[in-house]
mmCIF file of all heavy atoms, coordinates in Angstrom:
data_MODEL
# 
_entry.id   MODEL 
# 
loop_
_atom_site.group_PDB 
_atom_site.id 
_atom_site.type_symbol 
_atom_site.label_atom_id 
_atom_site.label_alt_id 
_atom_site.label_comp_id 
_atom_site.label_asym_id 
_atom_site.label_entity_id 
_atom_site.label_seq_id 
_atom_site.pdbx_PDB_ins_code 
_atom_site.Cartn_x 
_atom_site.Cartn_y 
_atom_site.Cartn_z 
_atom_site.occupancy 
_atom_site.B_iso_or_equiv 
_atom_site.pdbx_formal_charge 
_atom_site.auth_seq_id 
_atom_site.auth_comp_id 
_atom_site.auth_asym_id 
_atom_site.auth_atom_id 
_atom_site.pdbx_PDB_model_num 
ATOM 1   N N   . LYS A 1 1  ? 0.817   -1.215  -0.005 1.00 0.00 ? 1  LYS A N   1 
ATOM 2   C CA  . LYS A 1 1  ? -0.022  0.011   -0.022 1.00 0.00 ? 1  LYS A CA  1 
ATOM 3   C C   . LYS A 1 1  ? 0.891   1.256   0.002  1.00 0.00 ? 1  LYS A C   1 
ATOM 4   O O   . LYS A 1 1  ? 0.596   2.216   -0.722 1.00 0.00 ? 1  LYS A O   1 
ATOM 5   C CB  . LYS A 1 1  ? -0.930  -0.016  1.236  1.00 0.00 ? 1  LYS A CB  1 
ATOM 6   C CG  . LYS A 1 1  ? -1.963  1.076   1.267  1.00 0.00 ? 1  LYS A CG  1 
ATOM 7   C CD  . LYS A 1 1  ? -2.881  0.964   2.517  1.00 0.00 ? 1  LYS A CD  1 
ATOM 8   C CE  . LYS A 1 1  ? -3.830  2.080   2.600  1.00 0.00 ? 1  LYS A CE  1 
ATOM 9   N NZ  . LYS A 1 1  ? -4.641  2.055   3.876  1.00 0.00 ? 1  LYS A NZ  1 
ATOM 10  N N   . LYS A 1 2  ? 1.917   1.248   0.781  1.00 0.00 ? 2  LYS A N   1 
ATOM 11  C CA  . LYS A 1 2  ? 2.791   2.394   0.863  1.00 0.00 ? 2  LYS A CA  1 
ATOM 12  C C   . LYS A 1 2  ? 3.508   2.691   -0.468 1.00 0.00 ? 2  LYS A C   1 
ATOM 13  O O   . LYS A 1 2  ? 3.532   3.825   -0.904 1.00 0.00 ? 2  LYS A O   1 
ATOM 14  C CB  . LYS A 1 2  ? 3.889   2.131   1.943  1.00 0.00 ? 2  LYS A CB  1 
ATOM 15  C CG  . LYS A 1 2  ? 4.904   3.206   2.075  1.00 0.00 ? 2  LYS A CG  1 
ATOM 16  C CD  . LYS A 1 2  ? 5.901   2.838   3.190  1.00 0.00 ? 2  LYS A CD  1 
ATOM 17  C CE  . LYS A 1 2  ? 6.997   3.878   3.342  1.00 0.00 ? 2  LYS A CE  1 
ATOM 18  N NZ  . LYS A 1 2  ? 7.990   3.489   4.363  1.00 0.00 ? 2  LYS A NZ  1 
ATOM 19  N N   . ILE A 1 3  ? 3.992   1.644   -1.127 1.00 0.00 ? 3  ILE A N   1 
ATOM 20  C CA  . ILE A 1 3  ? 4.668   1.860   -2.392 1.00 0.00 ? 3  ILE A CA  1 
ATOM 21  C C   . ILE A 1 3  ? 3.701   2.320   -3.464 1.00 0.00 ? 3  ILE A C   1 
ATOM 22  O O   . ILE A 1 3  ? 4.023   3.239   -4.256 1.00 0.00 ? 3  ILE A O   1 
ATOM 23  C CB  . ILE A 1 3  ? 5.347   0.523   -2.838 1.00 0.00 ? 3  ILE A CB  1 
ATOM 24  C CG1 . ILE A 1 3  ? 6.445   0.166   -1.859 1.00 0.00 ? 3  ILE A CG1 1 
ATOM 25  C CG2 . ILE A 1 3  ? 5.881   0.644   -4.214 1.00 0.00 ? 3  ILE A CG2 1 
ATOM 26  C CD1 . ILE A 1 3  ? 7.072   -1.187  -2.074 1.00 0.00 ? 3  ILE A CD1 1 
ATOM 27  N N   . LEU A 1 4  ? 2.485   1.712   -3.549 1.00 0.00 ? 4  LEU A N   1 
ATOM 28  C CA  . LEU A 1 4  ? 1.481   2.117   -4.510 1.00 0.00 ? 4  LEU A CA  1 
ATOM 29  C C   . LEU A 1 4  ? 1.026   3.530   -4.332 1.00 0.00 ? 4  LEU A C   1 
ATOM 30  O O   . LEU A 1 4  ? 0.800   4.269   -5.285 1.00 0.00 ? 4  LEU A O   1 
ATOM 31  C CB  . LEU A 1 4  ? 0.336   1.172   -4.543 1.00 0.00 ? 4  LEU A CB  1 
ATOM 32  C CG  . LEU A 1 4  ? 0.598   -0.291  -5.056 1.00 0.00 ? 4  LEU A CG  1 
ATOM 33  C CD1 . LEU A 1 4  ? -0.655  -1.106  -4.910 1.00 0.00 ? 4  LEU A CD1 1 
ATOM 34  C CD2 . LEU A 1 4  ? 1.096   -0.233  -6.478 1.00 0.00 ? 4  LEU A CD2 1 
ATOM 35  N N   . ASN A 1 5  ? 0.930   3.969   -3.075 1.00 0.00 ? 5  ASN A N   1 
ATOM 36  C CA  . ASN A 1 5  ? 0.566   5.360   -2.787 1.00 0.00 ? 5  ASN A CA  1 
ATOM 37  C C   . ASN A 1 5  ? 1.597   6.326   -3.305 1.00 0.00 ? 5  ASN A C   1 
ATOM 38  O O   . ASN A 1 5  ? 1.253   7.479   -3.720 1.00 0.00 ? 5  ASN A O   1 
ATOM 39  C CB  . ASN A 1 5  ? 0.325   5.533   -1.255 1.00 0.00 ? 5  ASN A CB  1 
ATOM 40  C CG  . ASN A 1 5  ? -0.949  4.966   -0.732 1.00 0.00 ? 5  ASN A CG  1 
ATOM 41  O OD1 . ASN A 1 5  ? -1.073  4.717   0.433  1.00 0.00 ? 5  ASN A OD1 1 
ATOM 42  N ND2 . ASN A 1 5  ? -1.882  4.676   -1.641 1.00 0.00 ? 5  ASN A ND2 1 
ATOM 43  N N   . THR A 1 6  ? 2.873   5.955   -3.271 1.00 0.00 ? 6  THR A N   1 
ATOM 44  C CA  . THR A 1 6  ? 3.929   6.834   -3.722 1.00 0.00 ? 6  THR A CA  1 
ATOM 45  C C   . THR A 1 6  ? 3.793   7.003   -5.279 1.00 0.00 ? 6  THR A C   1 
ATOM 46  O O   . THR A 1 6  ? 4.346   7.914   -5.859 1.00 0.00 ? 6  THR A O   1 
ATOM 47  C CB  . THR A 1 6  ? 5.317   6.353   -3.412 1.00 0.00 ? 6  THR A CB  1 
ATOM 48  O OG1 . THR A 1 6  ? 5.565   5.058   -4.090 1.00 0.00 ? 6  THR A OG1 1 
ATOM 49  C CG2 . THR A 1 6  ? 5.477   6.121   -1.913 1.00 0.00 ? 6  THR A CG2 1 
ATOM 50  N N   . LYS A 1 7  ? 3.093   6.047   -5.918 1.00 0.00 ? 7  LYS A N   1 
ATOM 51  C CA  . LYS A 1 7  ? 2.836   6.106   -7.380 1.00 0.00 ? 7  LYS A CA  1 
ATOM 52  C C   . LYS A 1 7  ? 1.540   6.796   -7.658 1.00 0.00 ? 7  LYS A C   1 
ATOM 53  O O   . LYS A 1 7  ? 0.960   6.657   -8.813 1.00 0.00 ? 7  LYS A O   1 
ATOM 54  C CB  . LYS A 1 7  ? 2.886   4.712   -8.017 1.00 0.00 ? 7  LYS A CB  1 
ATOM 55  C CG  . LYS A 1 7  ? 4.253   3.990   -7.792 1.00 0.00 ? 7  LYS A CG  1 
ATOM 56  C CD  . LYS A 1 7  ? 4.201   2.670   -8.323 1.00 0.00 ? 7  LYS A CD  1 
ATOM 57  C CE  . LYS A 1 7  ? 5.507   1.868   -8.115 1.00 0.00 ? 7  LYS A CE  1 
ATOM 58  N NZ  . LYS A 1 7  ? 6.638   2.497   -8.884 1.00 0.00 ? 7  LYS A NZ  1 
ATOM 59  N N   . SER A 1 8  ? 0.916   7.402   -6.675 1.00 0.00 ? 8  SER A N   1 
ATOM 60  C CA  . SER A 1 8  ? -0.323  8.179   -6.760 1.00 0.00 ? 8  SER A CA  1 
ATOM 61  C C   . SER A 1 8  ? -1.478  7.212   -7.128 1.00 0.00 ? 8  SER A C   1 
ATOM 62  O O   . SER A 1 8  ? -2.456  7.616   -7.846 1.00 0.00 ? 8  SER A O   1 
ATOM 63  C CB  . SER A 1 8  ? -0.207  9.285   -7.878 1.00 0.00 ? 8  SER A CB  1 
ATOM 64  O OG  . SER A 1 8  ? 0.784   10.199  -7.478 1.00 0.00 ? 8  SER A OG  1 
ATOM 65  N N   . ILE A 1 9  ? -1.431  6.043   -6.694 1.00 0.00 ? 9  ILE A N   1 
ATOM 66  C CA  . ILE A 1 9  ? -2.506  5.020   -6.827 1.00 0.00 ? 9  ILE A CA  1 
ATOM 67  C C   . ILE A 1 9  ? -3.271  4.946   -5.494 1.00 0.00 ? 9  ILE A C   1 
ATOM 68  O O   . ILE A 1 9  ? -2.679  4.656   -4.484 1.00 0.00 ? 9  ILE A O   1 
ATOM 69  C CB  . ILE A 1 9  ? -2.066  3.662   -7.243 1.00 0.00 ? 9  ILE A CB  1 
ATOM 70  C CG1 . ILE A 1 9  ? -1.326  3.696   -8.601 1.00 0.00 ? 9  ILE A CG1 1 
ATOM 71  C CG2 . ILE A 1 9  ? -3.206  2.643   -7.334 1.00 0.00 ? 9  ILE A CG2 1 
ATOM 72  C CD1 . ILE A 1 9  ? -0.655  2.360   -8.991 1.00 0.00 ? 9  ILE A CD1 1 
ATOM 73  N N   . LYS A 1 10 ? -4.518  5.260   -5.497 1.00 0.00 ? 10 LYS A N   1 
ATOM 74  C CA  . LYS A 1 10 ? -5.351  5.135   -4.307 1.00 0.00 ? 10 LYS A CA  1 
ATOM 75  C C   . LYS A 1 10 ? -5.706  3.678   -4.082 1.00 0.00 ? 10 LYS A C   1 
ATOM 76  O O   . LYS A 1 10 ? -6.315  3.071   -4.877 1.00 0.00 ? 10 LYS A O   1 
ATOM 77  C CB  . LYS A 1 10 ? -6.613  6.001   -4.420 1.00 0.00 ? 10 LYS A CB  1 
ATOM 78  C CG  . LYS A 1 10 ? -7.497  6.038   -3.187 1.00 0.00 ? 10 LYS A CG  1 
ATOM 79  C CD  . LYS A 1 10 ? -8.698  6.909   -3.343 1.00 0.00 ? 10 LYS A CD  1 
ATOM 80  C CE  . LYS A 1 10 ? -9.562  6.883   -2.091 1.00 0.00 ? 10 LYS A CE  1 
ATOM 81  N NZ  . LYS A 1 10 ? -10.816 7.728   -2.254 1.00 0.00 ? 10 LYS A NZ  1 
ATOM 82  N N   . VAL A 1 11 ? -5.314  3.149   -2.924 1.00 0.00 ? 11 VAL A N   1 
ATOM 83  C CA  . VAL A 1 11 ? -5.453  1.747   -2.590 1.00 0.00 ? 11 VAL A CA  1 
ATOM 84  C C   . VAL A 1 11 ? -6.485  1.580   -1.481 1.00 0.00 ? 11 VAL A C   1 
ATOM 85  O O   . VAL A 1 11 ? -6.423  2.248   -0.438 1.00 0.00 ? 11 VAL A O   1 
ATOM 86  C CB  . VAL A 1 11 ? -4.151  1.098   -2.207 1.00 0.00 ? 11 VAL A CB  1 
ATOM 87  C CG1 . VAL A 1 11 ? -4.328  -0.371  -1.885 1.00 0.00 ? 11 VAL A CG1 1 
ATOM 88  C CG2 . VAL A 1 11 ? -3.143  1.244   -3.316 1.00 0.00 ? 11 VAL A CG2 1 
ATOM 89  N N   . LYS A 1 12 ? -7.407  0.613   -1.696 1.00 0.00 ? 12 LYS A N   1 
ATOM 90  C CA  . LYS A 1 12 ? -8.351  0.206   -0.610 1.00 0.00 ? 12 LYS A CA  1 
ATOM 91  C C   . LYS A 1 12 ? -8.192  -1.316  -0.435 1.00 0.00 ? 12 LYS A C   1 
ATOM 92  O O   . LYS A 1 12 ? -8.114  -2.106  -1.408 1.00 0.00 ? 12 LYS A O   1 
ATOM 93  C CB  . LYS A 1 12 ? -9.756  0.504   -0.998 1.00 0.00 ? 12 LYS A CB  1 
ATOM 94  C CG  . LYS A 1 12 ? -10.749 0.301   0.179  1.00 0.00 ? 12 LYS A CG  1 
ATOM 95  C CD  . LYS A 1 12 ? -12.088 0.963   -0.064 1.00 0.00 ? 12 LYS A CD  1 
ATOM 96  C CE  . LYS A 1 12 ? -13.001 0.788   1.156  1.00 0.00 ? 12 LYS A CE  1 
ATOM 97  N NZ  . LYS A 1 12 ? -14.293 1.500   0.923  1.00 0.00 ? 12 LYS A NZ  1 
ATOM 98  N N   . ILE A 1 13 ? -8.155  -1.705  0.810  1.00 0.00 ? 13 ILE A N   1 
ATOM 99  C CA  . ILE A 1 13 ? -8.028  -3.119  1.210  1.00 0.00 ? 13 ILE A CA  1 
ATOM 100 C C   . ILE A 1 13 ? -9.427  -3.671  1.562  1.00 0.00 ? 13 ILE A C   1 
ATOM 101 O O   . ILE A 1 13 ? -10.066 -3.134  2.467  1.00 0.00 ? 13 ILE A O   1 
ATOM 102 C CB  . ILE A 1 13 ? -7.049  -3.376  2.327  1.00 0.00 ? 13 ILE A CB  1 
ATOM 103 C CG1 . ILE A 1 13 ? -5.771  -2.636  2.122  1.00 0.00 ? 13 ILE A CG1 1 
ATOM 104 C CG2 . ILE A 1 13 ? -6.783  -4.859  2.529  1.00 0.00 ? 13 ILE A CG2 1 
ATOM 105 C CD1 . ILE A 1 13 ? -4.996  -2.996  0.862  1.00 0.00 ? 13 ILE A CD1 1 
ATOM 106 N N   . LEU A 1 14 ? -9.883  -4.716  0.853  1.00 0.00 ? 14 LEU A N   1 
ATOM 107 C CA  . LEU A 1 14 ? -11.179 -5.356  1.134  1.00 0.00 ? 14 LEU A CA  1 
ATOM 108 C C   . LEU A 1 14 ? -10.899 -6.733  1.725  1.00 0.00 ? 14 LEU A C   1 
ATOM 109 O O   . LEU A 1 14 ? -10.438 -7.604  0.984  1.00 0.00 ? 14 LEU A O   1 
ATOM 110 C CB  . LEU A 1 14 ? -11.969 -5.413  -0.146 1.00 0.00 ? 14 LEU A CB  1 
ATOM 111 C CG  . LEU A 1 14 ? -12.181 -4.126  -0.895 1.00 0.00 ? 14 LEU A CG  1 
ATOM 112 C CD1 . LEU A 1 14 ? -12.995 -4.413  -2.170 1.00 0.00 ? 14 LEU A CD1 1 
ATOM 113 C CD2 . LEU A 1 14 ? -12.905 -3.098  -0.095 1.00 0.00 ? 14 LEU A CD2 1 
ATOM 114 N N   . LEU A 1 15 ? -11.218 -6.914  2.994  1.00 0.00 ? 15 LEU A N   1 
ATOM 115 C CA  . LEU A 1 15 ? -10.965 -8.185  3.674  1.00 0.00 ? 15 LEU A CA  1 
ATOM 116 C C   . LEU A 1 15 ? -12.265 -8.854  4.019  1.00 0.00 ? 15 LEU A C   1 
ATOM 117 O O   . LEU A 1 15 ? -13.089 -8.272  4.661  1.00 0.00 ? 15 LEU A O   1 
ATOM 118 C CB  . LEU A 1 15 ? -10.185 -7.886  4.977  1.00 0.00 ? 15 LEU A CB  1 
ATOM 119 C CG  . LEU A 1 15 ? -8.830  -7.199  4.818  1.00 0.00 ? 15 LEU A CG  1 
ATOM 120 C CD1 . LEU A 1 15 ? -8.353  -6.628  6.151  1.00 0.00 ? 15 LEU A CD1 1 
ATOM 121 C CD2 . LEU A 1 15 ? -7.790  -8.101  4.242  1.00 0.00 ? 15 LEU A CD2 1 
ATOM 122 N N   . VAL A 1 16 ? -12.456 -10.081 3.483  1.00 0.00 ? 16 VAL A N   1 
ATOM 123 C CA  . VAL A 1 16 ? -13.700 -10.754 3.728  1.00 0.00 ? 16 VAL A CA  1 
ATOM 124 C C   . VAL A 1 16 ? -13.447 -11.966 4.641  1.00 0.00 ? 16 VAL A C   1 
ATOM 125 O O   . VAL A 1 16 ? -12.797 -12.978 4.310  1.00 0.00 ? 16 VAL A O   1 
ATOM 126 C CB  . VAL A 1 16 ? -14.307 -11.325 2.422  1.00 0.00 ? 16 VAL A CB  1 
ATOM 127 C CG1 . VAL A 1 16 ? -15.623 -12.082 2.690  1.00 0.00 ? 16 VAL A CG1 1 
ATOM 128 C CG2 . VAL A 1 16 ? -14.620 -10.125 1.478  1.00 0.00 ? 16 VAL A CG2 1 
ATOM 129 N N   . ASN A 1 17 ? -13.899 -11.866 5.875  1.00 0.00 ? 17 ASN A N   1 
ATOM 130 C CA  . ASN A 1 17 ? -13.851 -12.962 6.853  1.00 0.00 ? 17 ASN A CA  1 
ATOM 131 C C   . ASN A 1 17 ? -15.009 -13.896 6.547  1.00 0.00 ? 17 ASN A C   1 
ATOM 132 O O   . ASN A 1 17 ? -16.181 -13.544 6.877  1.00 0.00 ? 17 ASN A O   1 
ATOM 133 C CB  . ASN A 1 17 ? -13.938 -12.438 8.277  1.00 0.00 ? 17 ASN A CB  1 
ATOM 134 C CG  . ASN A 1 17 ? -14.029 -13.545 9.299  1.00 0.00 ? 17 ASN A CG  1 
ATOM 135 O OD1 . ASN A 1 17 ? -13.536 -14.624 9.110  1.00 0.00 ? 17 ASN A OD1 1 
ATOM 136 N ND2 . ASN A 1 17 ? -14.732 -13.212 10.395 1.00 0.00 ? 17 ASN A ND2 1 
ATOM 137 N N   . ASP A 1 18 ? -14.743 -15.011 5.881  1.00 0.00 ? 18 ASP A N   1 
ATOM 138 C CA  . ASP A 1 18 ? -15.777 -15.852 5.374  1.00 0.00 ? 18 ASP A CA  1 
ATOM 139 C C   . ASP A 1 18 ? -16.295 -16.923 6.291  1.00 0.00 ? 18 ASP A C   1 
ATOM 140 O O   . ASP A 1 18 ? -16.083 -18.116 6.136  1.00 0.00 ? 18 ASP A O   1 
ATOM 141 C CB  . ASP A 1 18 ? -15.202 -16.545 4.088  1.00 0.00 ? 18 ASP A CB  1 
ATOM 142 C CG  . ASP A 1 18 ? -16.301 -17.241 3.269  1.00 0.00 ? 18 ASP A CG  1 
ATOM 143 O OD1 . ASP A 1 18 ? -17.480 -16.834 3.385  1.00 0.00 ? 18 ASP A OD1 1 
ATOM 144 O OD2 . ASP A 1 18 ? -15.993 -18.162 2.490  1.00 0.00 ? 18 ASP A OD2 1 
ATOM 145 N N   . GLY A 1 19 ? -16.952 -16.426 7.408  1.00 0.00 ? 19 GLY A N   1 
ATOM 146 C CA  . GLY A 1 19 ? -17.535 -17.357 8.346  1.00 0.00 ? 19 GLY A CA  1 
ATOM 147 C C   . GLY A 1 19 ? -16.547 -18.080 9.192  1.00 0.00 ? 19 GLY A C   1 
ATOM 148 O O   . GLY A 1 19 ? -16.836 -19.240 9.598  1.00 0.00 ? 19 GLY A O   1 
ATOM 149 N N   . SER A 1 20 ? -15.447 -17.483 9.471  1.00 0.00 ? 20 SER A N   1 
ATOM 150 C CA  . SER A 1 20 ? -14.345 -18.194 10.292 1.00 0.00 ? 20 SER A CA  1 
ATOM 151 C C   . SER A 1 20 ? -14.868 -18.574 11.735 1.00 0.00 ? 20 SER A C   1 
ATOM 152 O O   . SER A 1 20 ? -15.689 -17.826 12.290 1.00 0.00 ? 20 SER A O   1 
ATOM 153 C CB  . SER A 1 20 ? -13.139 -17.300 10.420 1.00 0.00 ? 20 SER A CB  1 
ATOM 154 O OG  . SER A 1 20 ? -12.550 -17.049 9.172  1.00 0.00 ? 20 SER A OG  1 
ATOM 155 N N   . THR A 1 21 ? -14.372 -19.669 12.192 1.00 0.00 ? 21 THR A N   1 
ATOM 156 C CA  . THR A 1 21 ? -14.808 -20.139 13.529 1.00 0.00 ? 21 THR A CA  1 
ATOM 157 C C   . THR A 1 21 ? -13.636 -20.010 14.504 1.00 0.00 ? 21 THR A C   1 
ATOM 158 O O   . THR A 1 21 ? -13.804 -20.369 15.663 1.00 0.00 ? 21 THR A O   1 
ATOM 159 C CB  . THR A 1 21 ? -15.325 -21.583 13.476 1.00 0.00 ? 21 THR A CB  1 
ATOM 160 O OG1 . THR A 1 21 ? -14.294 -22.433 12.863 1.00 0.00 ? 21 THR A OG1 1 
ATOM 161 C CG2 . THR A 1 21 ? -16.566 -21.699 12.610 1.00 0.00 ? 21 THR A CG2 1 
ATOM 162 N N   . ASP A 1 22 ? -12.497 -19.542 14.071 1.00 0.00 ? 22 ASP A N   1 
ATOM 163 C CA  . ASP A 1 22 ? -11.338 -19.311 14.941 1.00 0.00 ? 22 ASP A CA  1 
ATOM 164 C C   . ASP A 1 22 ? -11.215 -17.901 15.250 1.00 0.00 ? 22 ASP A C   1 
ATOM 165 O O   . ASP A 1 22 ? -12.232 -17.149 15.300 1.00 0.00 ? 22 ASP A O   1 
ATOM 166 C CB  . ASP A 1 22 ? -10.071 -19.883 14.292 1.00 0.00 ? 22 ASP A CB  1 
ATOM 167 C CG  . ASP A 1 22 ? -9.712  -19.086 12.983 1.00 0.00 ? 22 ASP A CG  1 
ATOM 168 O OD1 . ASP A 1 22 ? -10.480 -18.209 12.604 1.00 0.00 ? 22 ASP A OD1 1 
ATOM 169 O OD2 . ASP A 1 22 ? -8.592  -19.332 12.470 1.00 0.00 ? 22 ASP A OD2 1 
ATOM 170 N N   . LYS A 1 23 ? -10.045 -17.302 15.455 1.00 0.00 ? 23 LYS A N   1 
ATOM 171 C CA  . LYS A 1 23 ? -9.922  -15.905 15.901 1.00 0.00 ? 23 LYS A CA  1 
ATOM 172 C C   . LYS A 1 23 ? -9.565  -14.982 14.730 1.00 0.00 ? 23 LYS A C   1 
ATOM 173 O O   . LYS A 1 23 ? -8.990  -13.932 14.933 1.00 0.00 ? 23 LYS A O   1 
ATOM 174 C CB  . LYS A 1 23 ? -8.830  -15.861 16.976 1.00 0.00 ? 23 LYS A CB  1 
ATOM 175 C CG  . LYS A 1 23 ? -9.112  -16.517 18.250 1.00 0.00 ? 23 LYS A CG  1 
ATOM 176 C CD  . LYS A 1 23 ? -8.022  -16.372 19.271 1.00 0.00 ? 23 LYS A CD  1 
ATOM 177 C CE  . LYS A 1 23 ? -8.372  -17.121 20.624 1.00 0.00 ? 23 LYS A CE  1 
ATOM 178 N NZ  . LYS A 1 23 ? -7.248  -16.941 21.581 1.00 0.00 ? 23 LYS A NZ  1 
ATOM 179 N N   . THR A 1 24 ? -9.954  -15.393 13.529 1.00 0.00 ? 24 THR A N   1 
ATOM 180 C CA  . THR A 1 24 ? -9.640  -14.548 12.361 1.00 0.00 ? 24 THR A CA  1 
ATOM 181 C C   . THR A 1 24 ? -10.270 -13.132 12.488 1.00 0.00 ? 24 THR A C   1 
ATOM 182 O O   . THR A 1 24 ? -9.592  -12.128 12.294 1.00 0.00 ? 24 THR A O   1 
ATOM 183 C CB  . THR A 1 24 ? -10.160 -15.238 11.071 1.00 0.00 ? 24 THR A CB  1 
ATOM 184 O OG1 . THR A 1 24 ? -9.442  -16.451 10.875 1.00 0.00 ? 24 THR A OG1 1 
ATOM 185 C CG2 . THR A 1 24 ? -9.950  -14.283 9.874  1.00 0.00 ? 24 THR A CG2 1 
ATOM 186 N N   . GLU A 1 25 ? -11.534 -13.110 12.861 1.00 0.00 ? 25 GLU A N   1 
ATOM 187 C CA  . GLU A 1 25 ? -12.186 -11.793 12.962 1.00 0.00 ? 25 GLU A CA  1 
ATOM 188 C C   . GLU A 1 25 ? -11.531 -10.926 14.078 1.00 0.00 ? 25 GLU A C   1 
ATOM 189 O O   . GLU A 1 25 ? -11.258 -9.704  13.817 1.00 0.00 ? 25 GLU A O   1 
ATOM 190 C CB  . GLU A 1 25 ? -13.659 -11.993 13.373 1.00 0.00 ? 25 GLU A CB  1 
ATOM 191 C CG  . GLU A 1 25 ? -14.450 -10.637 13.498 1.00 0.00 ? 25 GLU A CG  1 
ATOM 192 C CD  . GLU A 1 25 ? -15.889 -10.813 13.806 1.00 0.00 ? 25 GLU A CD  1 
ATOM 193 O OE1 . GLU A 1 25 ? -16.354 -12.010 13.854 1.00 0.00 ? 25 GLU A OE1 1 
ATOM 194 O OE2 . GLU A 1 25 ? -16.560 -9.846  13.954 1.00 0.00 ? 25 GLU A OE2 1 
ATOM 195 N N   . GLU A 1 26 ? -11.151 -11.532 15.165 1.00 0.00 ? 26 GLU A N   1 
ATOM 196 C CA  . GLU A 1 26 ? -10.422 -10.810 16.227 1.00 0.00 ? 26 GLU A CA  1 
ATOM 197 C C   . GLU A 1 26 ? -9.106  -10.272 15.722 1.00 0.00 ? 26 GLU A C   1 
ATOM 198 O O   . GLU A 1 26 ? -8.743  -9.106  15.982 1.00 0.00 ? 26 GLU A O   1 
ATOM 199 C CB  . GLU A 1 26 ? -10.227 -11.716 17.387 1.00 0.00 ? 26 GLU A CB  1 
ATOM 200 C CG  . GLU A 1 26 ? -9.482  -11.102 18.542 1.00 0.00 ? 26 GLU A CG  1 
ATOM 201 C CD  . GLU A 1 26 ? -9.253  -12.096 19.767 1.00 0.00 ? 26 GLU A CD  1 
ATOM 202 O OE1 . GLU A 1 26 ? -10.103 -12.965 19.874 1.00 0.00 ? 26 GLU A OE1 1 
ATOM 203 O OE2 . GLU A 1 26 ? -8.221  -11.939 20.428 1.00 0.00 ? 26 GLU A OE2 1 
ATOM 204 N N   . MET A 1 27 ? -8.360  -11.093 15.000 1.00 0.00 ? 27 MET A N   1 
ATOM 205 C CA  . MET A 1 27 ? -7.045  -10.683 14.490 1.00 0.00 ? 27 MET A CA  1 
ATOM 206 C C   . MET A 1 27 ? -7.205  -9.599  13.416 1.00 0.00 ? 27 MET A C   1 
ATOM 207 O O   . MET A 1 27 ? -6.400  -8.660  13.387 1.00 0.00 ? 27 MET A O   1 
ATOM 208 C CB  . MET A 1 27 ? -6.325  -11.895 13.912 1.00 0.00 ? 27 MET A CB  1 
ATOM 209 C CG  . MET A 1 27 ? -5.994  -12.984 14.954 1.00 0.00 ? 27 MET A CG  1 
ATOM 210 S SD  . MET A 1 27 ? -4.845  -12.408 16.210 1.00 0.00 ? 27 MET A SD  1 
ATOM 211 C CE  . MET A 1 27 ? -3.325  -12.428 15.257 1.00 0.00 ? 27 MET A CE  1 
ATOM 212 N N   . LEU A 1 28 ? -8.197  -9.743  12.588 1.00 0.00 ? 28 LEU A N   1 
ATOM 213 C CA  . LEU A 1 28 ? -8.377  -8.653  11.610 1.00 0.00 ? 28 LEU A CA  1 
ATOM 214 C C   . LEU A 1 28 ? -8.699  -7.289  12.234 1.00 0.00 ? 28 LEU A C   1 
ATOM 215 O O   . LEU A 1 28 ? -8.194  -6.274  11.827 1.00 0.00 ? 28 LEU A O   1 
ATOM 216 C CB  . LEU A 1 28 ? -9.574  -9.064  10.630 1.00 0.00 ? 28 LEU A CB  1 
ATOM 217 C CG  . LEU A 1 28 ? -9.290  -10.157 9.618  1.00 0.00 ? 28 LEU A CG  1 
ATOM 218 C CD1 . LEU A 1 28 ? -10.532 -10.466 8.856  1.00 0.00 ? 28 LEU A CD1 1 
ATOM 219 C CD2 . LEU A 1 28 ? -8.212  -9.699  8.614  1.00 0.00 ? 28 LEU A CD2 1 
ATOM 220 N N   . ASN A 1 29 ? -9.547  -7.347  13.261 1.00 0.00 ? 29 ASN A N   1 
ATOM 221 C CA  . ASN A 1 29 ? -9.837  -6.110  13.987 1.00 0.00 ? 29 ASN A CA  1 
ATOM 222 C C   . ASN A 1 29 ? -8.671  -5.506  14.632 1.00 0.00 ? 29 ASN A C   1 
ATOM 223 O O   . ASN A 1 29 ? -8.433  -4.303  14.624 1.00 0.00 ? 29 ASN A O   1 
ATOM 224 C CB  . ASN A 1 29 ? -11.046 -6.378  15.032 1.00 0.00 ? 29 ASN A CB  1 
ATOM 225 C CG  . ASN A 1 29 ? -12.318 -6.573  14.346 1.00 0.00 ? 29 ASN A CG  1 
ATOM 226 O OD1 . ASN A 1 29 ? -12.569 -6.134  13.214 1.00 0.00 ? 29 ASN A OD1 1 
ATOM 227 N ND2 . ASN A 1 29 ? -13.201 -7.329  15.001 1.00 0.00 ? 29 ASN A ND2 1 
# 
């Protein structure tokens, strides 16, 4: 993201927690 921003590219990260039953949601947050 940092490198692409230096190239004037606006970056958005889309993270889909697909029904995880472990601590994925907690770690993402």
